[in-house]
Protein backbone atom coordinates (compact mmCIF):
# COMPACT_ATOMS: atom_id res chain seq x y z
CA MET A 1 6.53 144.03 -52.41
CA SER A 2 5.05 142.54 -55.54
CA ASN A 3 5.21 144.32 -58.86
CA ALA A 4 1.39 144.48 -59.08
CA LEU A 5 1.20 146.21 -55.70
CA ILE A 6 3.88 148.71 -56.65
CA LEU A 7 2.15 149.39 -59.96
CA ALA A 8 -1.25 149.85 -58.27
CA GLU A 9 0.24 152.32 -55.79
CA ALA A 10 2.09 154.20 -58.49
CA THR A 11 -0.85 154.59 -60.85
CA GLY A 12 -3.72 155.04 -58.40
CA THR A 13 -5.61 151.97 -59.59
CA TRP A 14 -6.75 150.73 -56.17
CA PRO A 15 -10.42 151.57 -56.85
CA TYR A 16 -10.29 149.35 -59.95
CA VAL A 17 -8.62 146.54 -58.02
CA ALA A 18 -11.22 146.75 -55.25
CA ALA A 19 -14.08 146.88 -57.76
CA SER A 20 -12.69 143.86 -59.60
CA TRP A 21 -12.40 141.85 -56.38
CA ALA A 22 -15.92 142.86 -55.35
CA LEU A 23 -17.27 141.85 -58.76
CA VAL A 24 -15.54 138.46 -58.72
CA LEU A 25 -16.47 137.61 -55.12
CA GLY A 26 -20.00 138.91 -55.58
CA GLY A 27 -20.41 136.84 -58.73
CA MET A 28 -19.15 133.72 -57.00
CA GLY A 29 -21.48 134.32 -54.06
CA ALA A 30 -24.46 134.85 -56.37
CA TYR A 31 -23.63 131.68 -58.31
CA ALA A 32 -23.36 129.67 -55.08
CA LEU A 33 -26.69 131.04 -53.85
CA VAL A 34 -28.45 130.24 -57.14
CA THR A 35 -26.97 126.73 -57.13
CA VAL A 36 -28.11 126.00 -53.56
CA VAL A 37 -31.61 127.37 -54.16
CA ARG A 38 -31.95 125.39 -57.38
CA GLY A 39 -30.73 122.20 -55.68
CA ARG A 40 -33.21 122.59 -52.85
CA ARG A 41 -36.03 123.19 -55.29
CA LEU A 42 -35.08 120.14 -57.34
CA SER A 43 -34.67 117.93 -54.27
CA LYS A 44 -38.30 118.56 -53.33
CA LYS A 45 -39.39 117.06 -56.67
CA VAL A 46 -37.72 113.71 -55.97
CA PRO A 47 -40.14 111.14 -54.53
CA SER A 48 -39.38 110.31 -50.88
CA GLU A 49 -38.70 106.62 -51.63
CA LYS A 50 -35.97 107.57 -54.13
CA ARG A 51 -34.18 110.04 -51.85
CA ARG A 52 -30.74 108.75 -50.91
CA TRP A 53 -30.01 111.57 -48.47
CA SER A 54 -32.86 111.02 -46.02
């Protein structure tokens, strides 16, 4: 077992570990969503003759 796992079990810090993981993964998901929405919005502003992807 890793030292971090042993320490978390010994000190009762699992709620903090779970909250930290949720915060990090939630932040990454929110950033990805904002990036995709912004990209879609910007792609609509490009004239159709200059679009390389269609």
